[in-house]
Amino acid sequence: MADSADTEARRLGIHRSVAPAAALPHIADVLDPGEPANEYEVLLDVETLAVDATSFRAIRDHSDGDPERMADTIAEIVVEHGKLQNPWTGSGGVLLGRVRHAGTHAATPHLAVGEAVVPLASLISIPLALDDVGPVDPAFPHVPVRGHAIVTGAMFCARVPDDLPTAVALMAFDVYPAASHVRDLAAPGARVLVLGAGHAGLLAIAAARDAVGLEGTV
């Protein structure tokens, strides 16, 4: 039983939780992004952070809109927590990186070294270390960075198609659960009201239209 529990902890990334120890990564306040990755994990060279809109606004407000201070704030959060979880909003976003190494039991099979991927998990659950942040555009929440991330064995990676612009891929993968939730809730012929027309709202509208069909109303 002890061996089984240890294996599951290594798969879920629980062993990377520093404070509190033995917490799931998205609950932990501090994660350990140290290398190497185990057999369940994927090691990524991170290129871009897509900070969620609420978090980015909070970082901008606390930095008075100064790009260098915003970059410093992001770097400081990651140094302190081993992940990007905004201390004012509790939220994160998603990242884009390239595969440096994939464990033999990684959740997403057959990942190739150098392949561009977006982990289908929030930044609040991904161990992260950054060597450089910026330049930051205060008007746009996609932040170029250099560093590495650990994708645990419970997280899947979405491959980024070669013909899809990076910004579009990040926006889509950031809000992808919206479509599946709407499809679960909306039935043919139903009336659906979507509140909000940000990235998630627009995706929800498209999914709702598909789910309710010609007899439904969105």
Protein backbone atom coordinates (compact mmCIF):
# COMPACT_ATOMS: atom_id res chain seq x y z
CA MET A 1 0.00 0.00 0.00
CA ALA A 2 2.85 2.37 0.83
CA ASP A 3 4.45 1.78 -2.58
CA SER A 4 1.09 2.36 -4.30
CA ALA A 5 0.54 5.61 -2.40
CA ASP A 6 4.03 6.81 -3.29
CA THR A 7 3.47 6.01 -6.96
CA GLU A 8 0.19 7.93 -6.98
CA ALA A 9 1.84 10.89 -5.25
CA ARG A 10 4.54 10.95 -7.92
CA ARG A 11 1.92 10.76 -10.66
CA LEU A 12 -0.25 13.54 -9.23
CA GLY A 13 2.67 15.82 -8.40
CA ILE A 14 1.97 15.74 -4.66
CA HIS A 15 5.68 15.19 -4.01
CA ARG A 16 6.30 18.68 -5.43
CA SER A 17 4.15 20.40 -2.82
CA VAL A 18 6.41 22.18 -0.34
CA ALA A 19 3.84 24.06 1.72
CA PRO A 20 1.69 22.47 2.81
CA ALA A 21 3.41 19.17 2.21
CA ALA A 22 1.36 16.37 0.61
CA ALA A 23 -1.17 18.81 -0.87
CA LEU A 24 -2.38 18.60 -4.44
CA PRO A 25 -0.41 21.10 -6.55
CA HIS A 26 -3.31 23.49 -7.16
CA ILE A 27 -3.97 23.69 -3.42
CA ALA A 28 -0.34 24.07 -2.32
CA ASP A 29 0.99 27.54 -1.57
CA VAL A 30 4.52 26.61 -2.64
CA LEU A 31 5.65 24.08 -5.26
CA ASP A 32 9.08 22.69 -6.05
CA PRO A 33 9.86 23.04 -9.78
CA GLY A 34 13.27 21.40 -9.44
CA GLU A 35 14.58 19.02 -12.05
CA PRO A 36 14.73 16.23 -13.07
CA ALA A 37 11.24 15.22 -14.09
CA ASN A 38 10.08 11.77 -13.06
CA GLU A 39 8.61 9.05 -15.28
CA TYR A 40 5.11 10.59 -15.12
CA GLU A 41 6.14 14.18 -15.80
CA VAL A 42 6.88 16.31 -18.85
CA LEU A 43 9.64 18.93 -18.66
CA LEU A 44 8.92 22.00 -20.79
CA ASP A 45 11.03 24.94 -21.86
CA VAL A 46 8.52 27.73 -21.35
CA GLU A 47 8.15 30.47 -23.97
CA THR A 48 4.92 32.31 -23.12
CA LEU A 49 2.66 32.83 -20.13
CA ALA A 50 -0.97 33.65 -20.94
CA VAL A 51 -1.96 35.31 -17.67
CA ASP A 52 -5.71 35.25 -17.09
CA ALA A 53 -7.39 38.63 -17.58
CA THR A 54 -8.33 39.22 -13.92
CA SER A 55 -4.86 38.31 -12.70
CA PHE A 56 -3.15 40.44 -15.35
CA ARG A 57 -5.28 43.43 -14.44
CA ALA A 58 -4.39 43.02 -10.76
CA ILE A 59 -0.67 42.79 -11.58
CA ARG A 60 -0.94 45.90 -13.77
CA ASP A 61 -2.80 47.83 -11.06
CA HIS A 62 -0.30 46.87 -8.35
CA SER A 63 2.56 47.90 -10.67
CA ASP A 64 0.94 51.20 -11.73
CA GLY A 65 0.98 49.96 -15.32
CA ASP A 66 4.78 50.04 -15.51
CA PRO A 67 6.00 47.19 -17.78
CA GLU A 68 9.25 46.58 -15.89
CA ARG A 69 7.49 46.49 -12.53
CA MET A 70 4.90 44.11 -13.98
CA ALA A 71 7.68 41.79 -15.15
CA ASP A 72 9.32 42.02 -11.73
CA THR A 73 6.01 41.24 -10.00
CA ILE A 74 5.47 38.13 -12.11
CA ALA A 75 9.04 36.97 -11.46
CA GLU A 76 8.68 37.56 -7.71
CA ILE A 77 5.44 35.57 -7.50
CA VAL A 78 7.06 32.62 -9.26
CA VAL A 79 10.19 32.77 -7.07
CA GLU A 80 8.08 32.85 -3.91
CA HIS A 81 5.55 30.18 -4.84
CA GLY A 82 7.24 27.98 -7.46
CA LYS A 83 4.22 28.64 -9.69
CA LEU A 84 2.27 31.60 -11.02
CA GLN A 85 -0.69 32.06 -8.69
CA ASN A 86 -1.73 35.68 -8.29
CA PRO A 87 -1.74 36.56 -4.56
CA TRP A 88 -4.60 39.05 -5.02
CA THR A 89 -6.94 36.99 -7.20
CA GLY A 90 -5.80 33.39 -6.63
CA SER A 91 -5.87 32.79 -10.39
CA GLY A 92 -3.21 31.93 -12.94
CA GLY A 93 -3.67 31.32 -16.66
CA VAL A 94 -1.93 28.90 -19.01
CA LEU A 95 1.49 28.58 -20.63
CA LEU A 96 3.04 27.54 -23.90
CA GLY A 97 6.29 25.62 -23.96
CA ARG A 98 8.35 23.13 -25.91
CA VAL A 99 8.99 19.60 -24.78
CA ARG A 100 12.49 19.04 -23.42
CA HIS A 101 11.77 15.63 -21.94
CA ALA A 102 8.68 13.43 -21.59
CA GLY A 103 8.50 10.63 -19.03
CA THR A 104 7.71 7.11 -20.18
CA HIS A 105 4.37 7.20 -18.32
CA ALA A 106 3.34 10.78 -19.13
CA ALA A 107 -0.41 11.34 -19.51
CA THR A 108 0.01 12.55 -23.11
CA PRO A 109 1.74 9.83 -25.13
CA HIS A 110 4.31 10.19 -27.90
CA LEU A 111 5.37 13.77 -27.18
CA ALA A 112 8.36 14.73 -29.32
CA VAL A 113 11.29 16.79 -28.10
CA GLY A 114 10.85 20.37 -29.36
CA GLU A 115 7.09 20.01 -29.87
CA ALA A 116 5.03 23.08 -28.89
CA VAL A 117 2.33 22.28 -26.32
CA VAL A 118 -0.07 23.96 -23.91
CA PRO A 119 -0.71 22.02 -20.68
CA LEU A 120 -4.44 21.68 -20.09
CA ALA A 121 -4.14 22.91 -16.52
CA SER A 122 -4.01 26.25 -14.79
CA LEU A 123 -0.72 27.87 -13.89
CA ILE A 124 -1.77 27.59 -10.24
CA SER A 125 -1.06 23.84 -10.45
CA ILE A 126 2.11 23.79 -12.59
CA PRO A 127 5.58 23.90 -10.96
CA LEU A 128 7.40 26.76 -12.68
CA ALA A 129 10.83 28.41 -12.60
CA LEU A 130 11.68 31.49 -14.66
CA ASP A 131 15.06 32.83 -15.76
CA ASP A 132 13.71 35.89 -17.55
CA VAL A 133 10.36 37.70 -17.87
CA GLY A 134 9.30 40.19 -20.51
CA PRO A 135 9.11 42.52 -22.17
CA VAL A 136 5.56 42.98 -20.84
CA ASP A 137 2.89 44.80 -22.83
CA PRO A 138 0.49 46.27 -20.23
CA ALA A 139 -2.34 46.00 -22.76
CA PHE A 140 -1.86 42.31 -23.61
CA PRO A 141 -1.71 39.41 -21.12
CA HIS A 142 0.64 37.17 -23.12
CA VAL A 143 4.08 37.49 -21.55
CA PRO A 144 7.27 36.16 -23.16
CA VAL A 145 9.48 34.31 -20.67
CA ARG A 146 12.41 31.93 -20.41
CA GLY A 147 12.31 29.12 -17.92
CA HIS A 148 10.99 25.63 -17.34
CA ALA A 149 7.81 23.99 -16.12
CA ILE A 150 6.92 20.53 -14.86
CA VAL A 151 3.69 19.01 -16.18
CA THR A 152 2.64 16.31 -13.73
CA GLY A 153 1.25 12.92 -14.69
CA ALA A 154 -2.33 14.02 -14.04
CA MET A 155 -2.16 16.81 -16.64
CA PHE A 156 -2.59 16.41 -20.37
CA CYS A 157 -0.79 18.53 -22.95
CA ALA A 158 -2.49 19.90 -26.06
CA ARG A 159 -0.33 19.95 -29.15
CA VAL A 160 -0.28 23.37 -30.85
CA PRO A 161 -1.06 23.00 -34.58
CA ASP A 162 1.56 24.46 -36.91
CA ASP A 163 -1.06 26.50 -38.76
CA LEU A 164 -2.57 28.08 -35.63
CA PRO A 165 -1.08 31.38 -34.40
CA THR A 166 0.33 31.13 -30.89
CA ALA A 167 -1.94 33.86 -29.52
CA VAL A 168 -5.04 32.12 -30.86
CA ALA A 169 -3.94 28.74 -29.48
CA LEU A 170 -3.35 30.19 -26.03
CA MET A 171 -6.72 31.96 -25.98
CA ALA A 172 -8.53 28.79 -27.03
CA PHE A 173 -6.76 26.40 -24.66
CA ASP A 174 -7.15 28.85 -21.76
CA VAL A 175 -10.95 28.62 -21.90
CA TYR A 176 -11.45 25.20 -23.52
CA PRO A 177 -13.56 23.75 -20.62
CA ALA A 178 -16.30 26.29 -21.38
CA ALA A 179 -17.35 24.42 -24.51
CA SER A 180 -17.59 21.00 -22.85
CA HIS A 181 -19.55 22.40 -19.88
CA VAL A 182 -22.05 24.11 -22.19
CA ARG A 183 -22.51 20.97 -24.28
CA ASP A 184 -23.24 18.99 -21.09
CA LEU A 185 -25.85 21.51 -19.94
CA ALA A 186 -27.54 22.55 -23.18
CA ALA A 187 -30.05 20.27 -24.92
CA PRO A 188 -31.51 20.41 -28.43
CA GLY A 189 -34.24 23.04 -28.59
CA ALA A 190 -33.20 24.70 -25.32
CA ARG A 191 -32.96 28.41 -24.61
CA VAL A 192 -29.48 29.41 -23.42
CA LEU A 193 -28.34 32.73 -21.98
CA VAL A 194 -24.60 33.43 -21.92
CA LEU A 195 -23.52 36.24 -19.60
CA GLY A 196 -20.30 37.83 -20.80
CA ALA A 197 -18.60 37.78 -24.18
CA GLY A 198 -14.93 37.44 -23.36
CA HIS A 199 -12.93 34.52 -24.71
CA ALA A 200 -14.82 31.98 -22.59
CA GLY A 201 -18.16 33.62 -23.38
CA LEU A 202 -17.59 33.54 -27.13
CA LEU A 203 -16.59 29.88 -26.97
CA ALA A 204 -19.66 29.14 -24.85
CA ILE A 205 -21.89 30.88 -27.39
CA ALA A 206 -20.46 28.79 -30.22
CA ALA A 207 -20.87 25.58 -28.21
CA ALA A 208 -24.42 26.52 -27.17
CA ARG A 209 -25.46 27.23 -30.75
CA ASP A 210 -24.13 23.83 -31.79
CA ALA A 211 -25.86 22.08 -28.85
CA VAL A 212 -29.33 23.61 -29.13
CA GLY A 213 -29.63 23.26 -32.90
CA LEU A 214 -31.98 25.14 -35.20
CA GLU A 215 -34.92 24.88 -32.81
CA GLY A 216 -33.03 26.37 -29.86
CA THR A 217 -32.25 29.97 -28.93
CA VAL A 218 -28.98 31.46 -27.72
